[in-house]
Amino acid sequence: MPKWSLRRRPGRTLGLLLLLVLSFLVLRRLNWTSVLPLWLQRQRLGLRTKGPNFMLEDSTFQILGGSIHYFRVPREYWRDRLLKLKACGLNTLTTYVPWNLHEPERGKFDFSGNLDLEAFIWLAAKIGLWVILRPGPYICSEIDLGGLPSWLLQDPDMKLRTTYPGFTKAVDLYFDHLMSRVVPLQYKHGGPIIAVQVENEYGSYNGDHAYMPYIKKALEDRGIIEMLLTSDNKDGLEKGVVDGVLATINLQSQQELVALNSILLSIQGIQPKMVMEYWTGWFDSWGGSHNILDSSEVLQTVSAIIKDGSSINLYMFHGGTNFGFINGAMHFGDYKADVTSYDYDAILTEAGDYTAKYTKLRELFGTFSGVPPPPPPELTAKMVYEPVTPSFYLSLWDALLYMDKPITSEIPINMENLPVNNGNGQAFGYVLYETTIFSSGVLSGLVRDRGQVFLNRVSIGFLDYTTTKITIPLTQGYTILRILVENRGRVNYGNNIDSQRKGLIGNLYLNNKPLKNFKIYSLDMTKQFFQRFDMDKWSVVPKEITFPAFFLGTLSVGIYPSDTFLKLEGWVKGVVLVNDHNLGRYWNVGPQETLYLPGVWLDKGLNKVIIFEETMAGSMVQSTDIPHLGRNQYVN
């Protein structure tokens, strides 16, 4: 066979060269991301800093981000909310990752359904968004215990957010699992994640100088190779800095912007500036007012931030809902639990509708970039349905007959240490404590967070943070003392997170003598909890109702199920479930007056509605197409 030689095959050589040139010209016009499989796309440099600028590959890059939490939005609506984010002119999604929801029991992980983090991130990529991931382990986020699992508190010596061995061991196991999912989603592996946040606002906590370096190393050791960021507010910026990690700031006003940027400059010199959380509104607490922030002020502050050359993340772009019992609480002086709605007066409403803020910011970002944003998606339909009139009823006392055998204990056991859920304790809901007494007197104890006290089946009052004693009236002989205790939400921000155990904490006293021999019922109000109540367990609603009680009714829906809001006029305090979806808590102290019911959770025809009411029931549950979040109070 003749040996290959350019000299001997000049025509063939010329043909190959022409083919290469033509191929090059064609491929230059192609979108490589649509030609190459994702695993072949090796993006090289990732997000990096160059003087005062972010660089993505070889181009300057200004992050225009918005926060959406996948765990607060029905999965069926993820695409709608992300498209609206893109259509507002933003280029980056940010989201927290809630450890407590992903690892409800030690070593038992849930990334399915509404918790499918990977699907959410790939969907963002498909829509054309970059992602900044905020994996904690602590996330604040106005979620129960700042996203930390309650089973950590089974350890009486637990020191959360430190290098305490019991905490770091749990973090290591969680990160082993989580990062195996996150690593392939990184930019340099062909994914959309361009940066990862190290913990969250640790400077405000600052309980252990070794902790943040530990978290940084934990991320890097498990394959995190993108840019690392910290995020702090004015209370903790100077204490939250970590070597080799870019510091970012959280704020709401232009005055804070000037002050914090000055601190940033002194801490890390000339680096890209980023407002990781520009607070577009604020969260609400039960018994307070609905917080709002004027859209004109939002526009002015956002304009000032981007004109200053800073990158920005709108927290929240879309808040969503604290479905179930996942809301957090604050405890500075008075304990204040967060409401079910996480509307936040954000850029989109709780139900994903547009606001004046959206319209103004979309125009601003379009003008700033010089490129018109894509058209916004259509609004999701809203519907007013016929009221739900409960037909069936089951008192809590009768329901106890169908529950698992109660836990027996000489002394009260707090919620987290109950021997349930494969030894992981109870995270959310209620706990009922029973014992017997033979005399009257003063009942006292530490109740977290709210305990309704009963003699037999008669309510005599409540114990909580402010009422720590209650008088037991004169009784004759054997009397069952019952306390129904609600976990209203563990504190998510502050230095008292180690003391967030719920239920009865320590002994319960009658006339300063500890009571003994308790029966304890775990009432976590999960889907599995309600499955024990077959139709034959329910009775027709009587004229005289014994509370607390469960009520059962049906919501009739036409051919096209649509979003709606449930209004519980005449009801006092409790929980609503529709088709086994826990919509969250209601309470007539406000400010929230309606519960959001996503249309994607409804079926054509009859839909099952269960209400758990603590003290007094209304005659019906109404439906409205307009949310009522309460009287307004402007955010300071």
Foldseek 3Di string as FASTA:
>chain_A
DDDDDCVVCVVVVVVVVVVVVVVVVVVVPDDVPVVDDLQPDQQDDFWDWDFQFIDRRHHTDFAAAAEDELLQDFPVCLLQLLLLRLQLQGAAYEYEQQQCQQPVDQPRGDCDGSNVVLVSQVSNVVSRHAYEYEYAPAQLLQWFLSRDHLLLLLPVPDDPLEVPVSHVVSVLVSLLVVLVSVQCQEVSSSHRYREYEQHAQCQLQLPYLVRSVVSVVSNVVSRDDHAYEYEHEPNGQVPGDDPRHHYAYEDAAPVRVVVVVVVSCVPPNRIHYEHAEHQQWAFDWFLDFAAAADLVRVLVNVVVQVVVVHHYYYVHQAQAFQFAQTGAWAPDPHTTTTAGQRLRNHCAGNQRHGDPNSVSSSVVSCVVVVHRRDDRDDHFDEDWFDWWFFFWKDAPVLVVVLDDFFDKWFFDDFQQQPCDDVRRGARFWKKKKKDKDAFWAKKFFAAAAKKFKDWAQHTDDMDHDVRGIDTGDGDHGIIMIMIIGGNNGHHSDDNCSSVRTHGTDTFMDGVNHGGTIMTMDDPRLALVNCVSCPPVSIDTDDPDDGPQMKTKTKTADAPQQAKKKKFFPFAAKWWKDKQRTTQGIDHVSFDWGITIDGSVSDDHGIIMMMIGGGDTGDRTITIHRDTRRHHYDYDD
